[in-house]
Amino acid sequence: MDIFEKAKRAGLTTSLDLQYDLDETWDFDYQTCLPFVDVFLPNEAEIRVLTGKNNNDAALEKLKPFANTIVLKLGKNGSRLVNDEIDIEAAPYTYDEYQDPIGAGDSFNAGFLQKFLEVL
């Protein structure tokens, strides 16, 4: 959390993609950290286990008081952007001949953040 707080004090834009916790401890203190994160980029599995909720809406509601902008990655179902002002879903880009989804989330993050920074 300290690095995010320092970055915000320095005027930087921050983003966070936790990655799945292979140890299943999920000891991330989102209530303390997320206020310093401009864009939080979890996927469905991560947000549900992090919040202990079994659906996306409930998980988002639990995080919204602490988060600035949440971009929920929904895999083959696209994505959803939620903040205090908007709640929108985006259809997925589909390509029937894809070979390997490894890196798809990171590629999504990079593209989203590029556009996010352009409109700031």
PDB file of N, CA and C in Angstrom:
ATOM      1  N   MET A   1       0.812  -1.178   0.000  1.00  0.00           N
ATOM      2  CA  MET A   1       0.000   0.000   0.000  1.00  0.00           C
ATOM      3  C   MET A   1       0.863   1.253   0.000  1.00  0.00           C
ATOM      4  N   ASP A   2       1.984   1.204   0.670  1.00  0.00           N
ATOM      5  CA  ASP A   2       2.838   2.386   0.787  1.00  0.00           C
ATOM      6  C   ASP A   2       3.271   2.942  -0.567  1.00  0.00           C
ATOM      7  N   ILE A   3       3.599   2.040  -1.492  1.00  0.00           N
ATOM      8  CA  ILE A   3       4.053   2.511  -2.803  1.00  0.00           C
ATOM      9  C   ILE A   3       2.929   3.236  -3.552  1.00  0.00           C
ATOM     10  N   PHE A   4       1.693   2.767  -3.398  1.00  0.00           N
ATOM     11  CA  PHE A   4       0.568   3.442  -4.047  1.00  0.00           C
ATOM     12  C   PHE A   4       0.313   4.807  -3.416  1.00  0.00           C
ATOM     13  N   GLU A   5       0.423   4.887  -2.107  1.00  0.00           N
ATOM     14  CA  GLU A   5       0.226   6.164  -1.425  1.00  0.00           C
ATOM     15  C   GLU A   5       1.306   7.164  -1.842  1.00  0.00           C
ATOM     16  N   LYS A   6       2.552   6.728  -1.911  1.00  0.00           N
ATOM     17  CA  LYS A   6       3.643   7.603  -2.336  1.00  0.00           C
ATOM     18  C   LYS A   6       3.451   8.053  -3.783  1.00  0.00           C
ATOM     19  N   ALA A   7       3.029   7.144  -4.636  1.00  0.00           N
ATOM     20  CA  ALA A   7       2.803   7.481  -6.043  1.00  0.00           C
ATOM     21  C   ALA A   7       1.706   8.536  -6.176  1.00  0.00           C
ATOM     22  N   LYS A   8       0.623   8.381  -5.446  1.00  0.00           N
ATOM     23  CA  LYS A   8      -0.468   9.352  -5.510  1.00  0.00           C
ATOM     24  C   LYS A   8      -0.016  10.714  -4.993  1.00  0.00           C
ATOM     25  N   ARG A   9       0.748  10.735  -3.899  1.00  0.00           N
ATOM     26  CA  ARG A   9       1.252  12.009  -3.362  1.00  0.00           C
ATOM     27  C   ARG A   9       2.171  12.696  -4.360  1.00  0.00           C
ATOM     28  N   ALA A  10       2.845  11.899  -5.202  1.00  0.00           N
ATOM     29  CA  ALA A  10       3.741  12.449  -6.212  1.00  0.00           C
ATOM     30  C   ALA A  10       2.987  12.864  -7.480  1.00  0.00           C
ATOM     31  N   GLY A  11       1.666  12.640  -7.501  1.00  0.00           N
ATOM     32  CA  GLY A  11       0.860  13.042  -8.661  1.00  0.00           C
ATOM     33  C   GLY A  11       0.805  12.022  -9.781  1.00  0.00           C
ATOM     34  N   LEU A  12       1.223  10.801  -9.508  1.00  0.00           N
ATOM     35  CA  LEU A  12       1.214   9.761 -10.529  1.00  0.00           C
ATOM     36  C   LEU A  12      -0.148   9.077 -10.611  1.00  0.00           C
ATOM     37  N   THR A  13      -0.414   8.475 -11.752  1.00  0.00           N
ATOM     38  CA  THR A  13      -1.603   7.652 -11.945  1.00  0.00           C
ATOM     39  C   THR A  13      -1.219   6.216 -11.622  1.00  0.00           C
ATOM     40  N   THR A  14      -2.097   5.516 -10.901  1.00  0.00           N
ATOM     41  CA  THR A  14      -1.777   4.152 -10.478  1.00  0.00           C
ATOM     42  C   THR A  14      -2.824   3.165 -10.966  1.00  0.00           C
ATOM     43  N   SER A  15      -2.382   1.944 -11.145  1.00  0.00           N
ATOM     44  CA  SER A  15      -3.291   0.847 -11.496  1.00  0.00           C
ATOM     45  C   SER A  15      -2.795  -0.416 -10.812  1.00  0.00           C
ATOM     46  N   LEU A  16      -3.723  -1.367 -10.644  1.00  0.00           N
ATOM     47  CA  LEU A  16      -3.369  -2.607  -9.949  1.00  0.00           C
ATOM     48  C   LEU A  16      -4.145  -3.779 -10.524  1.00  0.00           C
ATOM     49  N   ASP A  17      -3.426  -4.814 -10.873  1.00  0.00           N
ATOM     50  CA  ASP A  17      -3.983  -6.116 -11.240  1.00  0.00           C
ATOM     51  C   ASP A  17      -3.327  -7.101 -10.288  1.00  0.00           C
ATOM     52  N   LEU A  18      -4.099  -7.616  -9.336  1.00  0.00           N
ATOM     53  CA  LEU A  18      -3.541  -8.462  -8.283  1.00  0.00           C
ATOM     54  C   LEU A  18      -2.947  -9.776  -8.753  1.00  0.00           C
ATOM     55  N   GLN A  19      -3.518 -10.375  -9.740  1.00  0.00           N
ATOM     56  CA  GLN A  19      -3.198 -11.741 -10.131  1.00  0.00           C
ATOM     57  C   GLN A  19      -3.825 -12.699  -9.124  1.00  0.00           C
ATOM     58  N   TYR A  20      -4.042 -13.895  -9.542  1.00  0.00           N
ATOM     59  CA  TYR A  20      -4.683 -14.880  -8.675  1.00  0.00           C
ATOM     60  C   TYR A  20      -3.706 -15.329  -7.597  1.00  0.00           C
ATOM     61  N   ASP A  21      -4.166 -15.422  -6.372  1.00  0.00           N
ATOM     62  CA  ASP A  21      -3.338 -15.838  -5.241  1.00  0.00           C
ATOM     63  C   ASP A  21      -3.278 -17.362  -5.197  1.00  0.00           C
ATOM     64  N   LEU A  22      -2.182 -17.916  -5.669  1.00  0.00           N
ATOM     65  CA  LEU A  22      -2.042 -19.373  -5.728  1.00  0.00           C
ATOM     66  C   LEU A  22      -2.054 -20.016  -4.349  1.00  0.00           C
ATOM     67  N   ASP A  23      -1.688 -19.260  -3.323  1.00  0.00           N
ATOM     68  CA  ASP A  23      -1.723 -19.785  -1.951  1.00  0.00           C
ATOM     69  C   ASP A  23      -3.117 -19.702  -1.343  1.00  0.00           C
ATOM     70  N   GLU A  24      -4.025 -19.031  -2.049  1.00  0.00           N
ATOM     71  CA  GLU A  24      -5.419 -18.876  -1.592  1.00  0.00           C
ATOM     72  C   GLU A  24      -5.527 -18.181  -0.234  1.00  0.00           C
ATOM     73  N   THR A  25      -4.598 -17.259   0.071  1.00  0.00           N
ATOM     74  CA  THR A  25      -4.691 -16.531   1.332  1.00  0.00           C
ATOM     75  C   THR A  25      -5.497 -15.241   1.184  1.00  0.00           C
ATOM     76  N   TRP A  26      -5.389 -14.593   0.038  1.00  0.00           N
ATOM     77  CA  TRP A  26      -6.149 -13.380  -0.263  1.00  0.00           C
ATOM     78  C   TRP A  26      -6.114 -12.397   0.899  1.00  0.00           C
ATOM     79  N   ASP A  27      -4.905 -12.098   1.361  1.00  0.00           N
ATOM     80  CA  ASP A  27      -4.758 -11.196   2.490  1.00  0.00           C
ATOM     81  C   ASP A  27      -4.513  -9.744   2.058  1.00  0.00           C
ATOM     82  N   PHE A  28      -4.955  -9.399   0.875  1.00  0.00           N
ATOM     83  CA  PHE A  28      -4.837  -8.036   0.356  1.00  0.00           C
ATOM     84  C   PHE A  28      -5.825  -7.121   1.076  1.00  0.00           C
ATOM     85  N   ASP A  29      -5.336  -6.082   1.706  1.00  0.00           N
ATOM     86  CA  ASP A  29      -6.174  -5.130   2.448  1.00  0.00           C
ATOM     87  C   ASP A  29      -6.707  -4.084   1.469  1.00  0.00           C
ATOM     88  N   TYR A  30      -7.739  -4.449   0.732  1.00  0.00           N
ATOM     89  CA  TYR A  30      -8.266  -3.550  -0.297  1.00  0.00           C
ATOM     90  C   TYR A  30      -8.864  -2.276   0.288  1.00  0.00           C
ATOM     91  N   GLN A  31      -9.363  -2.317   1.499  1.00  0.00           N
ATOM     92  CA  GLN A  31      -9.961  -1.129   2.103  1.00  0.00           C
ATOM     93  C   GLN A  31      -8.929  -0.024   2.318  1.00  0.00           C
ATOM     94  N   THR A  32      -7.711  -0.418   2.595  1.00  0.00           N
ATOM     95  CA  THR A  32      -6.636   0.546   2.815  1.00  0.00           C
ATOM     96  C   THR A  32      -5.928   0.932   1.524  1.00  0.00           C
ATOM     97  N   CYS A  33      -5.752  -0.020   0.626  1.00  0.00           N
ATOM     98  CA  CYS A  33      -4.964   0.216  -0.583  1.00  0.00           C
ATOM     99  C   CYS A  33      -5.754   0.858  -1.731  1.00  0.00           C
ATOM    100  N   LEU A  34      -6.960   0.380  -2.004  1.00  0.00           N
ATOM    101  CA  LEU A  34      -7.680   0.828  -3.194  1.00  0.00           C
ATOM    102  C   LEU A  34      -7.959   2.329  -3.271  1.00  0.00           C
ATOM    103  N   PRO A  35      -8.108   3.045  -2.168  1.00  0.00           N
ATOM    104  CA  PRO A  35      -8.278   4.490  -2.319  1.00  0.00           C
ATOM    105  C   PRO A  35      -7.103   5.188  -3.020  1.00  0.00           C
ATOM    106  N   PHE A  36      -5.923   4.565  -3.029  1.00  0.00           N
ATOM    107  CA  PHE A  36      -4.744   5.126  -3.681  1.00  0.00           C
ATOM    108  C   PHE A  36      -4.526   4.566  -5.087  1.00  0.00           C
ATOM    109  N   VAL A  37      -5.429   3.699  -5.545  1.00  0.00           N
ATOM    110  CA  VAL A  37      -5.320   3.075  -6.860  1.00  0.00           C
ATOM    111  C   VAL A  37      -6.357   3.711  -7.777  1.00  0.00           C
ATOM    112  N   ASP A  38      -5.897   4.276  -8.888  1.00  0.00           N
ATOM    113  CA  ASP A  38      -6.839   4.898  -9.823  1.00  0.00           C
ATOM    114  C   ASP A  38      -7.686   3.864 -10.544  1.00  0.00           C
ATOM    115  N   VAL A  39      -7.050   2.792 -10.998  1.00  0.00           N
ATOM    116  CA  VAL A  39      -7.761   1.759 -11.756  1.00  0.00           C
ATOM    117  C   VAL A  39      -7.403   0.384 -11.194  1.00  0.00           C
ATOM    118  N   PHE A  40      -8.405  -0.317 -10.700  1.00  0.00           N
ATOM    119  CA  PHE A  40      -8.252  -1.683 -10.198  1.00  0.00           C
ATOM    120  C   PHE A  40      -8.780  -2.621 -11.266  1.00  0.00           C
ATOM    121  N   LEU A  41      -7.978  -3.614 -11.674  1.00  0.00           N
ATOM    122  CA  LEU A  41      -8.272  -4.455 -12.832  1.00  0.00           C
ATOM    123  C   LEU A  41      -8.353  -5.944 -12.492  1.00  0.00           C
ATOM    124  N   PRO A  42      -9.305  -6.362 -11.681  1.00  0.00           N
ATOM    125  CA  PRO A  42      -9.429  -7.793 -11.373  1.00  0.00           C
ATOM    126  C   PRO A  42     -10.221  -8.541 -12.448  1.00  0.00           C
ATOM    127  N   ASN A  43     -10.139  -9.862 -12.417  1.00  0.00           N
ATOM    128  CA  ASN A  43     -11.049 -10.662 -13.235  1.00  0.00           C
ATOM    129  C   ASN A  43     -12.137 -11.207 -12.304  1.00  0.00           C
ATOM    130  N   GLU A  44     -13.086 -11.930 -12.879  1.00  0.00           N
ATOM    131  CA  GLU A  44     -14.224 -12.429 -12.088  1.00  0.00           C
ATOM    132  C   GLU A  44     -13.807 -13.312 -10.914  1.00  0.00           C
ATOM    133  N   ALA A  45     -12.919 -14.242 -11.158  1.00  0.00           N
ATOM    134  CA  ALA A  45     -12.502 -15.157 -10.087  1.00  0.00           C
ATOM    135  C   ALA A  45     -11.821 -14.389  -8.963  1.00  0.00           C
ATOM    136  N   GLU A  46     -10.955 -13.448  -9.327  1.00  0.00           N
ATOM    137  CA  GLU A  46     -10.216 -12.691  -8.319  1.00  0.00           C
ATOM    138  C   GLU A  46     -11.137 -11.826  -7.466  1.00  0.00           C
ATOM    139  N   ILE A  47     -12.053 -11.127  -8.091  1.00  0.00           N
ATOM    140  CA  ILE A  47     -12.915 -10.215  -7.325  1.00  0.00           C
ATOM    141  C   ILE A  47     -13.866 -10.984  -6.411  1.00  0.00           C
ATOM    142  N   ARG A  48     -14.303 -12.137  -6.860  1.00  0.00           N
ATOM    143  CA  ARG A  48     -15.229 -12.925  -6.033  1.00  0.00           C
ATOM    144  C   ARG A  48     -14.532 -13.506  -4.810  1.00  0.00           C
ATOM    145  N   VAL A  49     -13.359 -14.070  -4.996  1.00  0.00           N
ATOM    146  CA  VAL A  49     -12.669 -14.666  -3.844  1.00  0.00           C
ATOM    147  C   VAL A  49     -12.132 -13.575  -2.919  1.00  0.00           C
ATOM    148  N   LEU A  50     -11.705 -12.454  -3.478  1.00  0.00           N
ATOM    149  CA  LEU A  50     -11.206 -11.349  -2.662  1.00  0.00           C
ATOM    150  C   LEU A  50     -12.295 -10.808  -1.735  1.00  0.00           C
ATOM    151  N   THR A  51     -13.520 -10.704  -2.256  1.00  0.00           N
ATOM    152  CA  THR A  51     -14.614 -10.130  -1.466  1.00  0.00           C
ATOM    153  C   THR A  51     -15.440 -11.166  -0.721  1.00  0.00           C
ATOM    154  N   GLY A  52     -15.290 -12.443  -1.078  1.00  0.00           N
ATOM    155  CA  GLY A  52     -16.108 -13.483  -0.464  1.00  0.00           C
ATOM    156  C   GLY A  52     -17.529 -13.504  -0.988  1.00  0.00           C
ATOM    157  N   LYS A  53     -17.766 -12.846  -2.120  1.00  0.00           N
ATOM    158  CA  LYS A  53     -19.100 -12.799  -2.726  1.00  0.00           C
ATOM    159  C   LYS A  53     -19.167 -13.778  -3.895  1.00  0.00           C
ATOM    160  N   ASN A  54     -20.375 -14.303  -4.160  1.00  0.00           N
ATOM    161  CA  ASN A  54     -20.491 -15.327  -5.209  1.00  0.00           C
ATOM    162  C   ASN A  54     -21.023 -14.785  -6.533  1.00  0.00           C
ATOM    163  N   ASN A  55     -21.183 -13.470  -6.649  1.00  0.00           N
ATOM    164  CA  ASN A  55     -21.548 -12.911  -7.947  1.00  0.00           C
ATOM    165  C   ASN A  55     -20.877 -11.556  -8.127  1.00  0.00           C
ATOM    166  N   ASN A  56     -20.761 -11.129  -9.364  1.00  0.00           N
ATOM    167  CA  ASN A  56     -20.030  -9.906  -9.679  1.00  0.00           C
ATOM    168  C   ASN A  56     -20.665  -8.662  -9.075  1.00  0.00           C
ATOM    169  N   ASP A  57     -21.984  -8.563  -9.139  1.00  0.00           N
ATOM    170  CA  ASP A  57     -22.650  -7.374  -8.615  1.00  0.00           C
ATOM    171  C   ASP A  57     -22.372  -7.195  -7.122  1.00  0.00           C
ATOM    172  N   ALA A  58     -22.495  -8.251  -6.362  1.00  0.00           N
ATOM    173  CA  ALA A  58     -22.247  -8.175  -4.921  1.00  0.00           C
ATOM    174  C   ALA A  58     -20.788  -7.848  -4.633  1.00  0.00           C
ATOM    175  N   ALA A  59     -19.887  -8.437  -5.399  1.00  0.00           N
ATOM    176  CA  ALA A  59     -18.459  -8.166  -5.207  1.00  0.00           C
ATOM    177  C   ALA A  59     -18.139  -6.710  -5.522  1.00  0.00           C
ATOM    178  N   LEU A  60     -18.693  -6.194  -6.609  1.00  0.00           N
ATOM    179  CA  LEU A  60     -18.468  -4.798  -6.968  1.00  0.00           C
ATOM    180  C   LEU A  60     -19.023  -3.854  -5.899  1.00  0.00           C
ATOM    181  N   GLU A  61     -20.195  -4.145  -5.401  1.00  0.00           N
ATOM    182  CA  GLU A  61     -20.792  -3.308  -4.357  1.00  0.00           C
ATOM    183  C   GLU A  61     -19.931  -3.276  -3.100  1.00  0.00           C
ATOM    184  N   LYS A  62     -19.302  -4.390  -2.788  1.00  0.00           N
ATOM    185  CA  LYS A  62     -18.439  -4.446  -1.605  1.00  0.00           C
ATOM    186  C   LYS A  62     -17.173  -3.607  -1.803  1.00  0.00           C
ATOM    187  N   LEU A  63     -16.660  -3.554  -3.036  1.00  0.00           N
ATOM    188  CA  LEU A  63     -15.434  -2.817  -3.305  1.00  0.00           C
ATOM    189  C   LEU A  63     -15.654  -1.339  -3.606  1.00  0.00           C
ATOM    190  N   LYS A  64     -16.809  -0.980  -4.142  1.00  0.00           N
ATOM    191  CA  LYS A  64     -17.049   0.394  -4.595  1.00  0.00           C
ATOM    192  C   LYS A  64     -16.755   1.474  -3.557  1.00  0.00           C
ATOM    193  N   PRO A  65     -17.054   1.293  -2.279  1.00  0.00           N
ATOM    194  CA  PRO A  65     -16.750   2.368  -1.331  1.00  0.00           C
ATOM    195  C   PRO A  65     -15.255   2.674  -1.185  1.00  0.00           C
ATOM    196  N   PHE A  66     -14.409   1.768  -1.630  1.00  0.00           N
ATOM    197  CA  PHE A  66     -12.967   1.920  -1.454  1.00  0.00           C
ATOM    198  C   PHE A  66     -12.231   2.196  -2.757  1.00  0.00           C
ATOM    199  N   ALA A  67     -12.851   1.873  -3.882  1.00  0.00           N
ATOM    200  CA  ALA A  67     -12.177   1.934  -5.177  1.00  0.00           C
ATOM    201  C   ALA A  67     -12.533   3.208  -5.936  1.00  0.00           C
ATOM    202  N   ASN A  68     -11.622   3.658  -6.765  1.00  0.00           N
ATOM    203  CA  ASN A  68     -11.874   4.794  -7.643  1.00  0.00           C
ATOM    204  C   ASN A  68     -12.554   4.319  -8.913  1.00  0.00           C
ATOM    205  N   THR A  69     -11.880   3.486  -9.669  1.00  0.00           N
ATOM    206  CA  THR A  69     -12.442   2.885 -10.876  1.00  0.00           C
ATOM    207  C   THR A  69     -12.084   1.405 -10.870  1.00  0.00           C
ATOM    208  N   ILE A  70     -13.086   0.572 -11.096  1.00  0.00           N
ATOM    209  CA  ILE A  70     -12.871  -0.872 -11.208  1.00  0.00           C
ATOM    210  C   ILE A  70     -13.161  -1.269 -12.642  1.00  0.00           C
ATOM    211  N   VAL A  71     -12.233  -1.986 -13.245  1.00  0.00           N
ATOM    212  CA  VAL A  71     -12.442  -2.543 -14.573  1.00  0.00           C
ATOM    213  C   VAL A  71     -12.405  -4.055 -14.391  1.00  0.00           C
ATOM    214  N   LEU A  72     -13.584  -4.652 -14.440  1.00  0.00           N
ATOM    215  CA  LEU A  72     -13.731  -6.084 -14.204  1.00  0.00           C
ATOM    216  C   LEU A  72     -13.620  -6.828 -15.522  1.00  0.00           C
ATOM    217  N   LYS A  73     -12.628  -7.710 -15.615  1.00  0.00           N
ATOM    218  CA  LYS A  73     -12.423  -8.501 -16.827  1.00  0.00           C
ATOM    219  C   LYS A  73     -13.320  -9.733 -16.766  1.00  0.00           C
ATOM    220  N   LEU A  74     -14.158  -9.891 -17.776  1.00  0.00           N
ATOM    221  CA  LEU A  74     -15.157 -10.959 -17.807  1.00  0.00           C
ATOM    222  C   LEU A  74     -14.843 -12.041 -18.826  1.00  0.00           C
ATOM    223  N   GLY A  75     -13.599 -12.139 -19.242  1.00  0.00           N
ATOM    224  CA  GLY A  75     -13.212 -13.179 -20.193  1.00  0.00           C
ATOM    225  C   GLY A  75     -14.002 -13.096 -21.488  1.00  0.00           C
ATOM    226  N   LYS A  76     -14.590 -14.204 -21.891  1.00  0.00           N
ATOM    227  CA  LYS A  76     -15.326 -14.251 -23.159  1.00  0.00           C
ATOM    228  C   LYS A  76     -16.577 -13.372 -23.153  1.00  0.00           C
ATOM    229  N   ASN A  77     -16.939 -12.834 -21.978  1.00  0.00           N
ATOM    230  CA  ASN A  77     -18.112 -11.961 -21.874  1.00  0.00           C
ATOM    231  C   ASN A  77     -17.763 -10.477 -21.884  1.00  0.00           C
ATOM    232  N   GLY A  78     -16.508 -10.135 -22.121  1.00  0.00           N
ATOM    233  CA  GLY A  78     -16.124  -8.736 -22.232  1.00  0.00           C
ATOM    234  C   GLY A  78     -15.574  -8.165 -20.951  1.00  0.00           C
ATOM    235  N   SER A  79     -16.041  -6.977 -20.592  1.00  0.00           N
ATOM    236  CA  SER A  79     -15.548  -6.290 -19.409  1.00  0.00           C
ATOM    237  C   SER A  79     -16.616  -5.340 -18.882  1.00  0.00           C
ATOM    238  N   ARG A  80     -16.368  -4.831 -17.699  1.00  0.00           N
ATOM    239  CA  ARG A  80     -17.318  -3.911 -17.058  1.00  0.00           C
ATOM    240  C   ARG A  80     -16.524  -2.855 -16.308  1.00  0.00           C
ATOM    241  N   LEU A  81     -16.853  -1.602 -16.523  1.00  0.00           N
ATOM    242  CA  LEU A  81     -16.210  -0.485 -15.859  1.00  0.00           C
ATOM    243  C   LEU A  81     -17.196   0.112 -14.871  1.00  0.00           C
ATOM    244  N   VAL A  82     -16.747   0.265 -13.613  1.00  0.00           N
ATOM    245  CA  VAL A  82     -17.608   0.789 -12.558  1.00  0.00           C
ATOM    246  C   VAL A  82     -16.833   1.830 -11.754  1.00  0.00           C
ATOM    247  N   ASN A  83     -17.471   2.993 -11.567  1.00  0.00           N
ATOM    248  CA  ASN A  83     -16.979   3.986 -10.616  1.00  0.00           C
ATOM    249  C   ASN A  83     -18.181   4.740 -10.067  1.00  0.00           C
ATOM    250  N   ASP A  84     -17.972   5.858  -9.412  1.00  0.00           N
ATOM    251  CA  ASP A  84     -19.083   6.592  -8.804  1.00  0.00           C
ATOM    252  C   ASP A  84     -20.085   7.126  -9.816  1.00  0.00           C
ATOM    253  N   GLU A  85     -19.626   7.333 -11.047  1.00  0.00           N
ATOM    254  CA  GLU A  85     -20.475   7.963 -12.052  1.00  0.00           C
ATOM    255  C   GLU A  85     -21.047   7.011 -13.092  1.00  0.00           C
ATOM    256  N   ILE A  86     -20.342   5.941 -13.384  1.00  0.00           N
ATOM    257  CA  ILE A  86     -20.788   5.061 -14.469  1.00  0.00           C
ATOM    258  C   ILE A  86     -20.677   3.589 -14.106  1.00  0.00           C
ATOM    259  N   ASP A  87     -21.463   2.812 -14.818  1.00  0.00           N
ATOM    260  CA  ASP A  87     -21.424   1.355 -14.717  1.00  0.00           C
ATOM    261  C   ASP A  87     -21.785   0.852 -16.104  1.00  0.00           C
ATOM    262  N   ILE A  88     -20.759   0.507 -16.875  1.00  0.00           N
ATOM    263  CA  ILE A  88     -21.001   0.086 -18.259  1.00  0.00           C
ATOM    264  C   ILE A  88     -20.321  -1.238 -18.548  1.00  0.00           C
ATOM    265  N   GLU A  89     -20.947  -2.001 -19.420  1.00  0.00           N
ATOM    266  CA  GLU A  89     -20.366  -3.256 -19.885  1.00  0.00           C
ATOM    267  C   GLU A  89     -19.920  -3.087 -21.326  1.00  0.00           C
ATOM    268  N   ALA A  90     -18.837  -3.739 -21.675  1.00  0.00           N
ATOM    269  CA  ALA A  90     -18.323  -3.712 -23.040  1.00  0.00           C
ATOM    270  C   ALA A  90     -18.315  -5.129 -23.579  1.00  0.00           C
ATOM    271  N   ALA A  91     -18.809  -5.266 -24.781  1.00  0.00           N
ATOM    272  CA  ALA A  91     -18.815  -6.577 -25.433  1.00  0.00           C
ATOM    273  C   ALA A  91     -17.377  -7.015 -25.692  1.00  0.00           C
ATOM    274  N   PRO A  92     -17.147  -8.305 -25.727  1.00  0.00           N
ATOM    275  CA  PRO A  92     -15.790  -8.794 -25.969  1.00  0.00           C
ATOM    276  C   PRO A  92     -15.397  -8.649 -27.437  1.00  0.00           C
ATOM    277  N   TYR A  93     -14.097  -8.547 -27.651  1.00  0.00           N
ATOM    278  CA  TYR A  93     -13.572  -8.674 -28.997  1.00  0.00           C
ATOM    279  C   TYR A  93     -13.485 -10.170 -29.254  1.00  0.00           C
ATOM    280  N   THR A  94     -14.059 -10.629 -30.306  1.00  0.00           N
ATOM    281  CA  THR A  94     -14.017 -12.074 -30.581  1.00  0.00           C
ATOM    282  C   THR A  94     -13.235 -12.347 -31.854  1.00  0.00           C
ATOM    283  N   TYR A  95     -12.481 -13.395 -31.785  1.00  0.00           N
ATOM    284  CA  TYR A  95     -11.687 -13.860 -32.915  1.00  0.00           C
ATOM    285  C   TYR A  95     -11.723 -15.377 -32.854  1.00  0.00           C
ATOM    286  N   ASP A  96     -12.412 -15.990 -33.780  1.00  0.00           N
ATOM    287  CA  ASP A  96     -12.667 -17.421 -33.731  1.00  0.00           C
ATOM    288  C   ASP A  96     -11.427 -18.291 -33.891  1.00  0.00           C
ATOM    289  N   GLU A  97     -10.337 -17.730 -34.373  1.00  0.00           N
ATOM    290  CA  GLU A  97      -9.163 -18.546 -34.644  1.00  0.00           C
ATOM    291  C   GLU A  97      -8.017 -18.302 -33.658  1.00  0.00           C
ATOM    292  N   TYR A  98      -8.329 -17.807 -32.474  1.00  0.00           N
ATOM    293  CA  TYR A  98      -7.239 -17.559 -31.520  1.00  0.00           C
ATOM    294  C   TYR A  98      -6.580 -18.881 -31.131  1.00  0.00           C
ATOM    295  N   GLN A  99      -5.329 -18.791 -30.722  1.00  0.00           N
ATOM    296  CA  GLN A  99      -4.551 -19.987 -30.409  1.00  0.00           C
ATOM    297  C   GLN A  99      -4.340 -20.189 -28.914  1.00  0.00           C
ATOM    298  N   ASP A 100      -4.076 -19.105 -28.199  1.00  0.00           N
ATOM    299  CA  ASP A 100      -3.679 -19.235 -26.803  1.00  0.00           C
ATOM    300  C   ASP A 100      -4.050 -17.956 -26.054  1.00  0.00           C
ATOM    301  N   PRO A 101      -4.834 -18.063 -24.984  1.00  0.00           N
ATOM    302  CA  PRO A 101      -5.247 -16.851 -24.264  1.00  0.00           C
ATOM    303  C   PRO A 101      -4.223 -16.336 -23.247  1.00  0.00           C
ATOM    304  N   ILE A 102      -3.060 -16.991 -23.155  1.00  0.00           N
ATOM    305  CA  ILE A 102      -2.036 -16.534 -22.207  1.00  0.00           C
ATOM    306  C   ILE A 102      -1.675 -15.085 -22.531  1.00  0.00           C
ATOM    307  N   GLY A 103      -1.716 -14.254 -21.529  1.00  0.00           N
ATOM    308  CA  GLY A 103      -1.383 -12.841 -21.707  1.00  0.00           C
ATOM    309  C   GLY A 103      -2.551 -11.976 -22.113  1.00  0.00           C
ATOM    310  N   ALA A 104      -3.727 -12.564 -22.299  1.00  0.00           N
ATOM    311  CA  ALA A 104      -4.878 -11.779 -22.737  1.00  0.00           C
ATOM    312  C   ALA A 104      -5.246 -10.703 -21.717  1.00  0.00           C
ATOM    313  N   GLY A 105      -5.233 -11.047 -20.447  1.00  0.00           N
ATOM    314  CA  GLY A 105      -5.566 -10.065 -19.413  1.00  0.00           C
ATOM    315  C   GLY A 105      -4.558  -8.931 -19.363  1.00  0.00           C
ATOM    316  N   ASP A 106      -3.282  -9.262 -19.475  1.00  0.00           N
ATOM    317  CA  ASP A 106      -2.246  -8.227 -19.465  1.00  0.00           C
ATOM    318  C   ASP A 106      -2.354  -7.336 -20.696  1.00  0.00           C
ATOM    319  N   SER A 107      -2.666  -7.933 -21.837  1.00  0.00           N
ATOM    320  CA  SER A 107      -2.858  -7.141 -23.055  1.00  0.00           C
ATOM    321  C   SER A 107      -4.065  -6.223 -22.917  1.00  0.00           C
ATOM    322  N   PHE A 108      -5.139  -6.740 -22.326  1.00  0.00           N
ATOM    323  CA  PHE A 108      -6.314  -5.914 -22.071  1.00  0.00           C
ATOM    324  C   PHE A 108      -5.936  -4.739 -21.174  1.00  0.00           C
ATOM    325  N   ASN A 109      -5.233  -5.024 -20.078  1.00  0.00           N
ATOM    326  CA  ASN A 109      -4.819  -3.970 -19.150  1.00  0.00           C
ATOM    327  C   ASN A 109      -4.037  -2.876 -19.873  1.00  0.00           C
ATOM    328  N   ALA A 110      -3.067  -3.285 -20.697  1.00  0.00           N
ATOM    329  CA  ALA A 110      -2.229  -2.320 -21.398  1.00  0.00           C
ATOM    330  C   ALA A 110      -3.066  -1.441 -22.327  1.00  0.00           C
ATOM    331  N   GLY A 111      -3.961  -2.042 -23.079  1.00  0.00           N
ATOM    332  CA  GLY A 111      -4.809  -1.266 -23.988  1.00  0.00           C
ATOM    333  C   GLY A 111      -5.741  -0.335 -23.238  1.00  0.00           C
ATOM    334  N   PHE A 112      -6.367  -0.842 -22.191  1.00  0.00           N
ATOM    335  CA  PHE A 112      -7.275  -0.004 -21.407  1.00  0.00           C
ATOM    336  C   PHE A 112      -6.525   1.172 -20.794  1.00  0.00           C
ATOM    337  N   LEU A 113      -5.398   0.897 -20.167  1.00  0.00           N
ATOM    338  CA  LEU A 113      -4.651   1.962 -19.488  1.00  0.00           C
ATOM    339  C   LEU A 113      -4.127   3.003 -20.474  1.00  0.00           C
ATOM    340  N   GLN A 114      -3.738   2.573 -21.659  1.00  0.00           N
ATOM    341  CA  GLN A 114      -3.290   3.532 -22.685  1.00  0.00           C
ATOM    342  C   GLN A 114      -4.408   4.527 -22.974  1.00  0.00           C
ATOM    343  N   LYS A 115      -5.610   4.042 -23.212  1.00  0.00           N
ATOM    344  CA  LYS A 115      -6.747   4.928 -23.507  1.00  0.00           C
ATOM    345  C   LYS A 115      -7.145   5.743 -22.273  1.00  0.00           C
ATOM    346  N   PHE A 116      -7.127   5.137 -21.108  1.00  0.00           N
ATOM    347  CA  PHE A 116      -7.447   5.826 -19.854  1.00  0.00           C
ATOM    348  C   PHE A 116      -6.538   7.043 -19.674  1.00  0.00           C
ATOM    349  N   LEU A 117      -5.245   6.856 -19.902  1.00  0.00           N
ATOM    350  CA  LEU A 117      -4.293   7.947 -19.736  1.00  0.00           C
ATOM    351  C   LEU A 117      -4.454   9.017 -20.805  1.00  0.00           C
ATOM    352  N   GLU A 118      -4.881   8.621 -21.995  1.00  0.00           N
ATOM    353  CA  GLU A 118      -5.096   9.588 -23.073  1.00  0.00           C
ATOM    354  C   GLU A 118      -6.236  10.547 -22.756  1.00  0.00           C
ATOM    355  N   VAL A 119      -7.240  10.096 -22.055  1.00  0.00           N
ATOM    356  CA  VAL A 119      -8.409  10.949 -21.797  1.00  0.00           C
ATOM    357  C   VAL A 119      -8.324  11.703 -20.473  1.00  0.00           C
ATOM    358  N   LEU A 120      -7.284  11.471 -19.696  1.00  0.00           N
ATOM    359  CA  LEU A 120      -7.131  12.215 -18.430  1.00  0.00           C
ATOM    360  C   LEU A 120      -6.890  13.682 -18.674  1.00  0.00           C
TER     361      LEU A 120
END
